[in-house]
N, C-alpha and C. Protein backbone atom coordinates (compact mmCIF):
# COMPACT_ATOMS: atom_id res chain seq x y z
N UNK A 1 0.85 -1.18 -0.02
CA UNK A 1 0.01 0.07 0.06
C UNK A 1 0.91 1.26 -0.04
N UNK A 2 1.86 1.26 0.88
CA UNK A 2 2.72 2.45 0.93
C UNK A 2 3.59 2.64 -0.29
N UNK A 3 3.76 1.57 -1.04
CA UNK A 3 4.56 1.53 -2.22
C UNK A 3 3.69 2.21 -3.43
N UNK A 4 2.46 1.83 -3.24
CA UNK A 4 1.53 2.46 -4.18
C UNK A 4 1.49 4.03 -4.18
N UNK A 5 1.27 4.42 -2.87
CA UNK A 5 1.35 5.77 -2.58
C UNK A 5 2.55 6.52 -3.03
N UNK A 6 3.74 5.92 -2.70
CA UNK A 6 4.98 6.60 -2.96
C UNK A 6 5.14 6.62 -4.48
N UNK A 7 4.79 5.59 -5.28
CA UNK A 7 4.81 5.65 -6.64
C UNK A 7 3.83 6.66 -7.33
N UNK A 8 2.71 6.83 -6.63
CA UNK A 8 1.84 7.81 -7.24
C UNK A 8 2.33 9.29 -6.89
N UNK A 9 2.87 9.51 -5.67
CA UNK A 9 3.56 10.80 -5.41
C UNK A 9 4.76 11.09 -6.34
N UNK A 10 5.58 10.07 -6.51
CA UNK A 10 6.64 10.27 -7.39
C UNK A 10 6.22 10.58 -8.73
N UNK A 11 5.26 9.95 -9.18
CA UNK A 11 4.79 10.17 -10.63
C UNK A 11 4.11 11.71 -10.71
N UNK A 12 3.53 12.02 -9.62
CA UNK A 12 2.92 13.42 -9.72
C UNK A 12 4.04 14.42 -9.69
N UNK A 13 4.96 14.28 -8.79
CA UNK A 13 6.10 15.24 -8.68
C UNK A 13 6.83 15.42 -9.99
N UNK A 14 7.02 14.17 -10.74
CA UNK A 14 7.74 14.27 -11.95
C UNK A 14 6.98 15.04 -12.94
N UNK A 15 5.67 14.86 -13.03
CA UNK A 15 4.85 15.74 -13.97
C UNK A 15 5.00 17.23 -13.51
N UNK A 16 4.91 17.56 -12.22
CA UNK A 16 4.97 18.91 -11.79
C UNK A 16 6.40 19.50 -12.34
N UNK A 17 7.45 18.66 -12.11
CA UNK A 17 8.84 19.11 -12.36
C UNK A 17 8.95 19.38 -13.86
N UNK A 18 8.39 18.42 -14.69
CA UNK A 18 8.48 18.62 -16.25
C UNK A 18 7.77 19.85 -16.62
N UNK A 19 6.50 20.20 -15.97
CA UNK A 19 5.69 21.32 -16.43
C UNK A 19 6.39 22.64 -15.90
N UNK A 20 7.06 22.70 -14.74
CA UNK A 20 7.70 23.84 -14.27
C UNK A 20 8.92 24.01 -15.10
N UNK A 21 9.60 23.10 -15.58
CA UNK A 21 10.75 23.30 -16.51
C UNK A 21 10.35 23.97 -17.79
N UNK A 22 9.12 23.82 -18.18
CA UNK A 22 8.74 24.66 -19.53
C UNK A 22 8.61 26.05 -19.29
N UNK A 23 8.47 26.52 -18.15
CA UNK A 23 8.33 28.03 -17.89
C UNK A 23 9.67 28.73 -18.05
N UNK A 24 9.39 29.92 -18.28
CA UNK A 24 10.63 30.83 -18.37
C UNK A 24 11.25 31.17 -17.10
N UNK A 25 12.48 31.47 -16.94
CA UNK A 25 13.26 31.67 -15.63
C UNK A 25 12.55 32.65 -14.78
N UNK A 26 12.14 33.82 -15.15
CA UNK A 26 11.53 34.79 -14.15
C UNK A 26 10.19 34.21 -13.63
N UNK A 27 9.49 33.55 -14.50
CA UNK A 27 8.19 33.07 -14.07
C UNK A 27 8.44 31.96 -12.98
N UNK A 28 9.36 31.07 -13.47
CA UNK A 28 9.68 29.94 -12.37
C UNK A 28 10.03 30.51 -10.91
N UNK A 29 10.73 31.58 -10.89
CA UNK A 29 11.13 32.14 -9.52
C UNK A 29 9.86 32.66 -8.93
N UNK A 30 8.96 33.42 -9.72
CA UNK A 30 7.91 33.87 -9.17
C UNK A 30 6.82 32.85 -8.57
N UNK A 31 6.60 31.91 -9.34
CA UNK A 31 5.81 30.83 -8.97
C UNK A 31 6.38 29.96 -7.77
N UNK A 32 7.51 29.61 -7.80
CA UNK A 32 8.30 28.94 -6.70
C UNK A 32 8.29 29.75 -5.45
N UNK A 33 8.49 31.01 -5.56
CA UNK A 33 8.59 31.90 -4.45
C UNK A 33 7.14 31.91 -3.73
N UNK A 34 6.00 32.06 -4.64
CA UNK A 34 4.76 32.08 -4.02
C UNK A 34 4.51 30.81 -3.35
N UNK A 35 4.74 29.62 -4.07
CA UNK A 35 4.47 28.33 -3.47
C UNK A 35 5.20 28.15 -2.11
N UNK A 36 6.40 28.48 -2.10
CA UNK A 36 7.27 28.39 -0.93
C UNK A 36 6.68 29.21 0.32
N UNK A 37 6.34 30.47 -0.02
CA UNK A 37 5.65 31.28 0.90
C UNK A 37 4.37 30.70 1.42
N UNK A 38 3.45 30.20 0.71
CA UNK A 38 2.27 29.56 1.07
C UNK A 38 2.59 28.33 2.07
N UNK A 39 3.50 27.54 1.58
CA UNK A 39 3.97 26.38 2.22
C UNK A 39 4.46 26.73 3.77
N UNK A 40 5.27 27.78 3.77
CA UNK A 40 5.83 28.30 5.13
C UNK A 40 4.73 28.78 5.98
N UNK A 41 3.62 29.49 5.51
CA UNK A 41 2.54 29.95 6.30
C UNK A 41 1.75 28.79 6.85
N UNK A 42 1.41 27.88 5.96
CA UNK A 42 0.61 26.81 6.29
C UNK A 42 1.33 25.85 7.36
N UNK A 43 2.64 25.58 7.08
CA UNK A 43 3.53 24.83 8.11
C UNK A 43 3.59 25.63 9.50
N UNK A 44 3.76 26.85 9.44
CA UNK A 44 3.77 27.66 10.59
C UNK A 44 2.60 27.69 11.39
N UNK A 45 1.30 27.81 10.74
CA UNK A 45 -0.01 27.66 11.23
C UNK A 45 -0.19 26.28 12.01
N UNK A 46 0.28 25.24 11.43
CA UNK A 46 0.18 23.97 12.14
C UNK A 46 1.28 23.88 13.39
N UNK A 47 2.40 24.32 13.18
CA UNK A 47 3.31 24.36 14.27
C UNK A 47 2.93 25.13 15.30
N UNK A 48 2.29 26.48 15.11
CA UNK A 48 1.84 27.24 16.13
C UNK A 48 0.55 26.66 16.85
N UNK A 49 -0.24 25.84 16.10
CA UNK A 49 -1.26 25.23 16.64
C UNK A 49 -0.94 24.13 17.60
N UNK A 50 0.27 23.47 17.20
CA UNK A 50 0.70 22.42 18.21
C UNK A 50 1.28 23.18 19.47
N UNK A 51 1.98 24.31 19.16
CA UNK A 51 2.52 25.05 20.31
C UNK A 51 1.55 25.70 21.12
N UNK A 52 0.36 25.93 20.70
CA UNK A 52 -0.77 26.52 21.31
C UNK A 52 -1.28 25.38 22.40
N UNK A 53 -1.18 24.11 22.04
CA UNK A 53 -1.57 23.22 22.98
C UNK A 53 -0.70 23.18 24.24
N UNK A 54 0.49 23.63 24.09
CA UNK A 54 1.18 23.59 25.28
C UNK A 54 1.24 24.92 26.19
N UNK A 55 1.15 26.15 25.42
CA UNK A 55 1.32 27.41 26.01
C UNK A 55 0.07 28.20 26.10
N UNK A 56 -0.66 28.13 24.97
CA UNK A 56 -1.85 29.05 24.81
C UNK A 56 -1.65 30.45 24.58
N UNK A 57 -0.50 30.90 23.98
CA UNK A 57 -0.21 32.30 23.87
C UNK A 57 -0.31 32.76 22.44
N UNK A 58 -0.58 31.98 21.43
CA UNK A 58 -0.40 32.34 19.97
C UNK A 58 -1.79 32.80 19.59
N UNK A 59 -2.04 33.74 18.90
CA UNK A 59 -3.29 34.17 18.14
C UNK A 59 -3.48 33.43 16.86
N UNK A 60 -4.14 32.27 16.92
CA UNK A 60 -4.26 31.47 15.74
C UNK A 60 -5.26 32.10 14.67
N UNK A 61 -6.36 32.84 15.10
CA UNK A 61 -7.21 33.47 14.19
C UNK A 61 -6.47 34.61 13.28
N UNK A 62 -5.52 35.23 13.87
CA UNK A 62 -4.78 36.14 13.01
C UNK A 62 -3.97 35.44 11.98
N UNK A 63 -3.20 34.46 12.31
CA UNK A 63 -2.45 33.70 11.39
C UNK A 63 -3.29 33.06 10.33
N UNK A 64 -4.41 32.43 10.69
CA UNK A 64 -5.40 31.86 9.71
C UNK A 64 -5.79 33.00 8.75
N UNK A 65 -6.17 34.22 9.19
CA UNK A 65 -6.58 35.17 8.35
C UNK A 65 -5.46 35.55 7.33
N UNK A 66 -4.23 35.56 7.70
CA UNK A 66 -2.96 35.76 6.84
C UNK A 66 -2.94 34.63 5.75
N UNK A 67 -3.19 33.41 6.24
CA UNK A 67 -3.15 32.24 5.30
C UNK A 67 -4.17 32.43 4.32
N UNK A 68 -5.41 32.72 4.90
CA UNK A 68 -6.64 32.77 3.88
C UNK A 68 -6.34 33.96 2.89
N UNK A 69 -5.79 35.03 3.31
CA UNK A 69 -5.52 36.16 2.41
C UNK A 69 -4.52 35.72 1.34
N UNK A 70 -3.47 35.20 1.71
CA UNK A 70 -2.47 34.64 0.84
C UNK A 70 -2.92 33.59 -0.28
N UNK A 71 -3.77 32.81 0.05
CA UNK A 71 -4.32 31.85 -0.88
C UNK A 71 -5.61 32.24 -1.57
N UNK A 72 -6.08 33.39 -1.17
CA UNK A 72 -7.31 34.05 -1.76
C UNK A 72 -7.22 34.35 -3.37
N UNK A 73 -8.34 34.62 -3.96
CA UNK A 73 -8.35 34.84 -5.30
C UNK A 73 -7.62 36.15 -5.60
N UNK A 74 -7.69 37.19 -4.81
CA UNK A 74 -7.01 38.50 -5.06
C UNK A 74 -5.44 38.30 -5.18
N UNK A 75 -4.88 37.46 -4.20
CA UNK A 75 -3.46 37.29 -4.30
C UNK A 75 -3.03 36.38 -5.47
N UNK A 76 -3.87 35.34 -5.64
CA UNK A 76 -3.57 34.36 -6.71
C UNK A 76 -3.61 35.24 -8.10
N UNK A 77 -4.58 36.00 -8.27
CA UNK A 77 -4.75 37.00 -9.44
C UNK A 77 -3.40 37.86 -9.46
N UNK A 78 -3.03 38.47 -8.33
CA UNK A 78 -1.82 39.43 -8.46
C UNK A 78 -0.60 38.69 -8.96
N UNK A 79 -0.43 37.46 -8.33
CA UNK A 79 0.84 36.75 -8.69
C UNK A 79 0.59 36.20 -10.18
N UNK A 80 -0.58 35.94 -10.70
CA UNK A 80 -0.63 35.64 -12.07
C UNK A 80 -0.39 36.82 -12.90
N UNK A 81 -0.75 38.00 -12.50
CA UNK A 81 -0.63 39.14 -13.31
C UNK A 81 0.98 39.49 -13.36
N UNK A 82 1.62 39.44 -12.28
CA UNK A 82 3.02 39.78 -12.14
C UNK A 82 3.77 38.66 -13.02
N UNK A 83 3.38 37.44 -12.96
CA UNK A 83 4.04 36.42 -13.84
C UNK A 83 3.87 36.57 -15.28
N UNK A 84 2.72 37.11 -15.59
CA UNK A 84 2.31 37.35 -16.96
C UNK A 84 3.12 38.46 -17.58
N UNK A 85 3.66 39.38 -16.62
CA UNK A 85 4.39 40.55 -17.18
C UNK A 85 5.86 40.09 -17.68
N UNK A 86 6.19 38.88 -17.35
CA UNK A 86 7.64 38.43 -17.65
C UNK A 86 7.54 37.47 -18.79
N UNK A 87 6.43 37.33 -19.57
CA UNK A 87 6.28 36.45 -20.68
C UNK A 87 7.13 37.00 -21.77
N UNK A 88 7.94 36.28 -22.32
CA UNK A 88 8.79 36.73 -23.55
C UNK A 88 8.71 35.58 -24.66
N UNK A 89 7.74 35.73 -25.44
CA UNK A 89 7.57 34.65 -26.43
C UNK A 89 8.62 34.65 -27.53
N UNK A 90 9.15 35.81 -27.92
CA UNK A 90 10.01 35.91 -29.08
C UNK A 90 11.51 35.74 -28.62
N UNK A 91 11.71 35.61 -27.43
CA UNK A 91 13.00 35.36 -26.77
C UNK A 91 14.09 36.50 -26.96
N UNK A 92 13.75 37.71 -27.02
CA UNK A 92 14.70 38.84 -27.11
C UNK A 92 15.19 39.26 -25.87
N UNK A 93 14.66 38.83 -24.82
CA UNK A 93 15.04 39.30 -23.39
C UNK A 93 14.21 40.34 -22.91
N UNK A 94 13.31 40.91 -23.65
CA UNK A 94 12.52 41.96 -23.28
C UNK A 94 10.97 41.41 -23.17
N UNK A 95 10.38 41.49 -21.94
CA UNK A 95 8.96 40.85 -21.91
C UNK A 95 8.00 41.58 -22.86
N UNK A 96 7.14 40.77 -23.55
CA UNK A 96 6.35 41.27 -24.56
C UNK A 96 5.35 42.23 -24.06
N UNK A 97 4.95 42.30 -22.87
CA UNK A 97 4.14 43.40 -22.41
C UNK A 97 4.77 44.78 -22.57
N UNK A 98 6.04 44.83 -22.19
CA UNK A 98 6.75 46.02 -22.15
C UNK A 98 7.13 46.43 -23.65
N UNK A 99 7.29 45.44 -24.47
CA UNK A 99 7.55 45.75 -25.94
C UNK A 99 6.24 46.37 -26.49
N UNK A 100 5.05 45.96 -26.24
CA UNK A 100 3.86 46.55 -26.61
C UNK A 100 3.79 48.02 -26.18
N UNK A 101 4.07 48.26 -24.95
CA UNK A 101 3.93 49.68 -24.40
C UNK A 101 5.05 50.43 -25.11
N UNK A 102 6.24 49.99 -25.52
CA UNK A 102 7.21 50.79 -26.24
C UNK A 102 6.75 51.01 -27.63
N UNK A 103 6.09 50.18 -28.35
CA UNK A 103 5.55 50.24 -29.66
C UNK A 103 4.59 51.23 -29.84
N UNK A 104 3.69 51.38 -28.63
CA UNK A 104 2.55 52.35 -28.67
C UNK A 104 2.90 53.71 -28.69
N UNK A 105 4.19 54.00 -28.00
CA UNK A 105 4.60 55.32 -27.97
C UNK A 105 5.41 55.67 -29.26
């Protein structure tokens, strides 16, 4: 049973790794930075939740509100917009969004 789960997770991670390698370099850094930030906030929430069982001093509703804001639609839309600003389809090193602005002037 454990081997099946391990194989399933390994196959899924390989698919994510292949898909992530197709992104351009700045977009990779933005997406990975966002995912690491979300992961750290969620892990810290659960860590503080366990710490709360011992001391009772941490304000979990405040941390939960931050996690909800971080994974909410507004933040995901913002990260998507910023990542979209770095798309360079023609490969000349200048993002296409900024080339369009330059051409309009």
